[in-house]
Every structure is written in C-alpha cells, then in structure tokens.
N, C-alpha and C. Protein backbone atom coordinates (compact mmCIF):
# COMPACT_ATOMS: atom_id res chain seq x y z
N MET A 1 11.74 13.20 -6.01
CA MET A 1 11.30 12.50 -4.67
C MET A 1 10.85 11.18 -4.93
N THR A 2 11.40 10.04 -4.02
CA THR A 2 10.74 8.90 -4.17
C THR A 2 9.50 8.82 -3.35
N PRO A 3 8.52 8.25 -3.67
CA PRO A 3 7.31 7.92 -2.98
C PRO A 3 7.45 7.14 -1.87
N HIS A 4 7.02 7.23 -0.73
CA HIS A 4 7.03 6.56 0.61
C HIS A 4 5.61 6.20 0.85
N PHE A 5 5.26 5.03 0.93
CA PHE A 5 4.22 4.70 1.42
C PHE A 5 3.97 3.22 2.08
N PHE A 6 2.93 2.79 2.35
CA PHE A 6 2.58 1.62 3.15
C PHE A 6 1.60 0.74 2.32
N VAL A 7 1.78 -0.75 2.29
CA VAL A 7 0.95 -1.47 1.61
C VAL A 7 0.26 -2.50 2.54
N ILE A 8 -0.77 -2.66 2.43
CA ILE A 8 -1.38 -3.75 3.28
C ILE A 8 -1.78 -5.01 2.14
N THR A 9 -1.32 -6.23 2.71
CA THR A 9 -1.61 -7.41 1.89
C THR A 9 -2.32 -8.37 2.64
N HIS A 10 -2.76 -9.38 1.89
CA HIS A 10 -3.67 -10.65 2.61
C HIS A 10 -3.58 -11.63 1.82
N GLY A 11 -3.13 -12.85 2.40
CA GLY A 11 -3.34 -14.06 1.66
C GLY A 11 -2.02 -14.44 0.93
N THR A 12 -0.94 -13.83 1.56
CA THR A 12 0.48 -14.06 0.69
C THR A 12 0.96 -15.56 1.30
N LYS A 13 1.78 -15.86 0.32
CA LYS A 13 2.27 -17.36 0.67
C LYS A 13 3.04 -17.48 2.07
N ASP A 14 3.87 -16.47 2.37
CA ASP A 14 4.45 -16.48 3.71
C ASP A 14 3.80 -16.09 4.96
N TYR A 15 2.54 -15.51 4.85
CA TYR A 15 1.90 -15.13 5.98
C TYR A 15 0.48 -15.53 5.92
N GLY A 16 0.09 -16.41 4.91
CA GLY A 16 -1.13 -16.98 4.95
C GLY A 16 -2.51 -16.11 5.07
N ASP A 17 -3.31 -16.29 6.06
CA ASP A 17 -4.70 -15.52 6.38
C ASP A 17 -4.37 -14.26 7.00
N LYS A 18 -3.15 -13.85 7.52
CA LYS A 18 -2.65 -12.60 8.07
C LYS A 18 -2.74 -11.41 7.28
N PHE A 19 -2.86 -10.29 7.84
CA PHE A 19 -2.75 -8.95 7.11
C PHE A 19 -1.60 -8.48 7.31
N VAL A 20 -0.54 -8.06 6.36
CA VAL A 20 0.80 -7.81 6.56
C VAL A 20 0.92 -6.23 6.18
N VAL A 21 1.53 -5.46 6.84
CA VAL A 21 1.85 -4.07 6.49
C VAL A 21 3.09 -3.76 6.33
N ARG A 22 3.50 -3.49 5.07
CA ARG A 22 4.97 -3.23 4.89
C ARG A 22 5.30 -1.82 4.38
N GLU A 23 6.14 -1.08 4.73
CA GLU A 23 6.75 0.22 4.23
C GLU A 23 7.30 0.11 3.10
N HIS A 24 7.06 0.88 2.18
CA HIS A 24 7.66 0.99 0.71
C HIS A 24 8.49 2.21 0.45
N ARG A 25 9.67 2.28 -0.12
CA ARG A 25 10.39 3.51 -0.64
C ARG A 25 10.43 3.45 -2.11
N GLY A 26 9.71 3.96 -2.87
CA GLY A 26 9.70 3.72 -4.25
C GLY A 26 9.15 2.37 -4.35
N THR A 27 9.74 1.46 -5.32
CA THR A 27 9.42 0.15 -5.43
C THR A 27 9.76 -0.89 -4.50
N VAL A 28 10.60 -0.62 -3.64
CA VAL A 28 11.52 -1.49 -2.58
C VAL A 28 10.75 -1.29 -1.23
N PRO A 29 10.15 -2.59 -1.07
CA PRO A 29 9.45 -2.83 0.24
C PRO A 29 10.66 -3.03 1.29
N GLU A 30 10.27 -2.75 2.56
CA GLU A 30 11.12 -3.03 3.96
C GLU A 30 11.10 -4.75 3.73
N LEU A 31 12.14 -5.12 4.33
CA LEU A 31 12.27 -6.67 4.54
C LEU A 31 11.31 -7.11 5.77
N GLU A 32 11.44 -6.26 6.70
CA GLU A 32 10.54 -6.85 8.04
C GLU A 32 9.25 -6.04 7.92
N PRO A 33 8.05 -6.51 8.11
CA PRO A 33 6.76 -5.80 7.97
C PRO A 33 6.57 -4.92 9.28
N LEU A 34 5.98 -3.86 9.10
CA LEU A 34 5.61 -2.99 10.23
C LEU A 34 4.76 -3.67 11.09
N ALA A 35 3.76 -4.57 10.45
CA ALA A 35 2.81 -5.39 11.34
C ALA A 35 2.30 -6.61 10.68
N VAL A 36 1.94 -7.65 11.37
CA VAL A 36 1.35 -8.87 11.11
C VAL A 36 0.05 -8.95 11.77
N VAL A 37 -1.18 -9.17 11.29
CA VAL A 37 -2.20 -8.83 12.26
C VAL A 37 -3.28 -9.72 11.81
N ASP A 38 -4.40 -9.86 12.45
CA ASP A 38 -5.51 -10.62 12.17
C ASP A 38 -6.65 -9.90 11.21
N SER A 39 -6.81 -8.64 11.21
CA SER A 39 -7.89 -7.85 10.74
C SER A 39 -7.21 -6.74 9.95
N LEU A 40 -8.04 -6.42 9.04
CA LEU A 40 -7.94 -5.09 8.15
C LEU A 40 -7.91 -3.87 9.00
N GLU A 41 -8.97 -4.03 10.05
CA GLU A 41 -8.74 -2.78 10.94
C GLU A 41 -7.70 -2.54 11.61
N GLU A 42 -7.02 -3.79 12.19
CA GLU A 42 -5.72 -3.85 12.98
C GLU A 42 -4.66 -3.23 12.07
N ALA A 43 -4.53 -3.64 10.72
CA ALA A 43 -3.62 -3.28 9.69
C ALA A 43 -3.60 -1.87 9.81
N ARG A 44 -5.00 -1.26 9.34
CA ARG A 44 -4.96 0.18 9.29
C ARG A 44 -4.60 0.83 10.60
N GLY A 45 -4.90 0.32 11.67
CA GLY A 45 -4.48 0.86 13.02
C GLY A 45 -3.04 1.00 13.17
N ALA A 46 -2.43 -0.04 12.77
CA ALA A 46 -0.80 -0.02 12.86
C ALA A 46 -0.24 1.03 11.90
N ILE A 47 -0.75 1.24 10.98
CA ILE A 47 -0.36 2.55 9.86
C ILE A 47 -0.73 3.69 10.63
N GLU A 48 -1.89 4.11 11.24
CA GLU A 48 -2.15 5.10 11.73
C GLU A 48 -1.58 5.49 12.96
N GLU A 49 -1.02 4.62 13.72
CA GLU A 49 -0.31 4.56 14.91
C GLU A 49 1.14 5.32 14.60
N TYR A 50 1.59 4.59 13.31
CA TYR A 50 3.07 4.75 12.85
C TYR A 50 3.12 6.28 12.07
N SER A 51 2.24 6.83 11.47
CA SER A 51 1.91 7.66 10.81
C SER A 51 0.47 8.22 10.49
N PRO A 52 0.06 8.90 11.45
CA PRO A 52 -1.54 9.34 11.36
C PRO A 52 -1.99 10.21 10.13
N SER A 53 -1.06 10.71 9.32
CA SER A 53 -1.59 11.66 8.22
C SER A 53 -1.54 11.18 6.97
N LEU A 54 -1.77 9.85 6.81
CA LEU A 54 -1.68 9.27 5.41
C LEU A 54 -3.00 9.19 4.97
N CYS A 55 -3.07 9.04 3.52
CA CYS A 55 -4.46 8.91 2.72
C CYS A 55 -4.41 7.51 2.49
N ARG A 56 -5.66 6.70 2.16
CA ARG A 56 -5.82 5.44 1.63
C ARG A 56 -5.69 5.64 0.20
N VAL A 57 -5.32 4.48 -0.46
CA VAL A 57 -5.09 4.53 -1.98
C VAL A 57 -5.79 2.97 -2.24
N ASP A 58 -6.85 2.85 -2.82
CA ASP A 58 -7.58 1.65 -3.32
C ASP A 58 -6.52 0.86 -4.35
N ARG A 59 -6.64 -0.53 -4.19
CA ARG A 59 -5.76 -1.24 -5.13
C ARG A 59 -6.12 -1.00 -6.55
N CYS A 60 -5.24 -1.05 -7.57
CA CYS A 60 -5.50 -0.86 -8.97
C CYS A 60 -6.00 -2.29 -9.39
N GLU A 61 -6.52 -2.57 -10.61
CA GLU A 61 -6.89 -3.75 -11.23
C GLU A 61 -5.62 -4.43 -11.61
N TRP A 62 -4.62 -3.96 -11.81
CA TRP A 62 -3.23 -4.76 -12.31
C TRP A 62 -2.36 -5.10 -11.17
N ASP A 63 -2.80 -4.49 -9.82
CA ASP A 63 -1.98 -4.92 -8.55
C ASP A 63 -2.15 -6.51 -8.38
N ASP A 64 -1.27 -7.13 -7.75
CA ASP A 64 -1.07 -8.30 -7.39
C ASP A 64 -2.35 -8.40 -6.43
N SER A 65 -3.05 -9.72 -6.67
CA SER A 65 -4.41 -10.01 -5.91
C SER A 65 -4.28 -9.93 -4.51
N VAL A 66 -3.05 -10.10 -3.88
CA VAL A 66 -2.68 -9.99 -2.29
C VAL A 66 -2.81 -8.75 -1.86
N ILE A 67 -2.68 -7.57 -2.61
CA ILE A 67 -2.64 -6.14 -2.11
C ILE A 67 -4.13 -5.67 -1.98
N VAL A 68 -4.30 -5.34 -0.67
CA VAL A 68 -5.54 -4.81 -0.35
C VAL A 68 -5.73 -3.39 -0.50
N GLU A 69 -4.92 -2.62 -0.16
CA GLU A 69 -4.69 -1.25 -0.22
C GLU A 69 -3.37 -0.62 0.12
N SER A 70 -3.33 0.65 -0.28
CA SER A 70 -2.13 1.25 0.14
C SER A 70 -2.25 2.52 0.83
N TRP A 71 -1.42 3.13 1.46
CA TRP A 71 -1.40 4.43 2.37
C TRP A 71 -0.28 5.16 2.09
N ALA A 72 -0.38 6.48 1.82
CA ALA A 72 0.62 7.49 1.44
C ALA A 72 0.44 8.68 1.85
N SER A 73 1.34 9.67 1.97
CA SER A 73 0.98 11.01 2.32
C SER A 73 0.14 11.74 1.09
N ALA A 74 -0.73 12.79 1.28
CA ALA A 74 -1.24 13.29 0.38
C ALA A 74 -0.81 13.32 -0.97
N GLU A 75 0.49 14.03 -1.00
CA GLU A 75 1.26 14.49 -2.14
C GLU A 75 1.51 12.96 -2.86
N ASP A 76 2.11 11.88 -2.19
CA ASP A 76 2.37 10.94 -2.88
C ASP A 76 1.12 9.97 -3.12
N ALA A 77 0.13 10.17 -2.59
CA ALA A 77 -1.30 9.65 -2.99
C ALA A 77 -1.90 10.24 -4.16
N GLU A 78 -1.83 11.34 -4.42
CA GLU A 78 -2.04 12.11 -5.66
C GLU A 78 -1.13 11.69 -6.78
N THR A 79 0.00 11.38 -6.62
CA THR A 79 1.06 10.84 -7.49
C THR A 79 0.48 9.71 -7.79
N MET A 80 0.24 8.89 -7.04
CA MET A 80 -0.34 7.41 -7.21
C MET A 80 -1.45 7.26 -7.98
N ARG A 81 -2.39 8.09 -7.89
CA ARG A 81 -3.73 8.30 -8.68
C ARG A 81 -3.44 9.07 -9.89
N ALA A 82 -2.64 9.76 -10.14
CA ALA A 82 -2.42 10.18 -11.36
C ALA A 82 -1.72 9.06 -12.27
N LEU A 83 -0.60 8.56 -11.81
CA LEU A 83 -0.14 7.46 -12.53
C LEU A 83 -1.07 6.28 -12.92
N GLU A 84 -2.04 5.95 -11.88
CA GLU A 84 -3.04 5.20 -12.07
C GLU A 84 -4.04 5.58 -13.24
N HIS A 85 -4.39 6.72 -13.18
CA HIS A 85 -5.00 7.36 -14.34
C HIS A 85 -4.60 7.56 -15.70
N ALA A 86 -3.21 7.60 -15.60
CA ALA A 86 -2.38 7.57 -17.04
C ALA A 86 -2.34 6.23 -17.36
N LEU A 87 -2.13 5.40 -16.80
CA LEU A 87 -2.18 3.68 -17.16
C LEU A 87 -3.29 3.37 -17.87
N GLU A 88 -4.36 3.73 -17.11
CA GLU A 88 -5.75 3.22 -17.48
C GLU A 88 -6.23 3.84 -18.92
N THR A 89 -5.81 5.20 -19.07
CA THR A 89 -6.15 6.01 -20.26
C THR A 89 -5.28 5.78 -21.43
N GLY A 90 -3.98 4.89 -20.98
CA GLY A 90 -3.07 4.96 -21.98
C GLY A 90 -1.97 5.83 -22.42
N ALA A 91 -2.03 6.88 -21.50
CA ALA A 91 -1.18 7.89 -21.58
C ALA A 91 0.42 7.64 -21.67
N PHE A 92 0.63 6.51 -21.05
CA PHE A 92 2.24 6.07 -21.02
C PHE A 92 2.52 5.00 -22.00
N VAL A 93 1.60 4.57 -22.98
CA VAL A 93 1.83 3.74 -23.95
C VAL A 93 2.89 4.20 -24.96
C-alpha cells in the first residue's frame, strides 16, 4: 500500500512566506496545492477540513528545511515513524 499523506511547507521559492499544503501519494506530490495560506494554523485547518482523522508527523532532521510537518492516517504515520527510527539507528544501511 502506498502511503498517502499531506506535507506543510513554508519558505519555498515559488510561494515565499506562505504556508503550502500538498497531498502526496508515496513520494509523488500533487502538482496543485491543497491550500496556500498565511499561517500554520490555517494550513492545519485546511488539512482537517479535507481529512479530519489524520495524525501529525514532525519533520525529520534530514527533511528539506522548507518542510514544517506532515499529516497522515494513523497507519501511515506509524509507518513513517518506523522508517524514521530505522534510518536514525542505521537499520537500513
């Protein structure tokens, strides 16, 4: 099953100081953003409105600096956290 999640970014070259929400399926983001807003709270609100049962996943140290956080279903969030742990501990090396 391909993970389905949303990523909030801030400070990108194309949107500057705006917070941008993009839907991702696996590693492929949608071309058009779900939302382009002025605050993190508005970005979170756009995700909640679209899909209210998602869990927040904090950014990883190796994520691009424009990534603020991600949101995924509980199952996909757990998979993302397990992957992060494996990468941190060297289990995938």
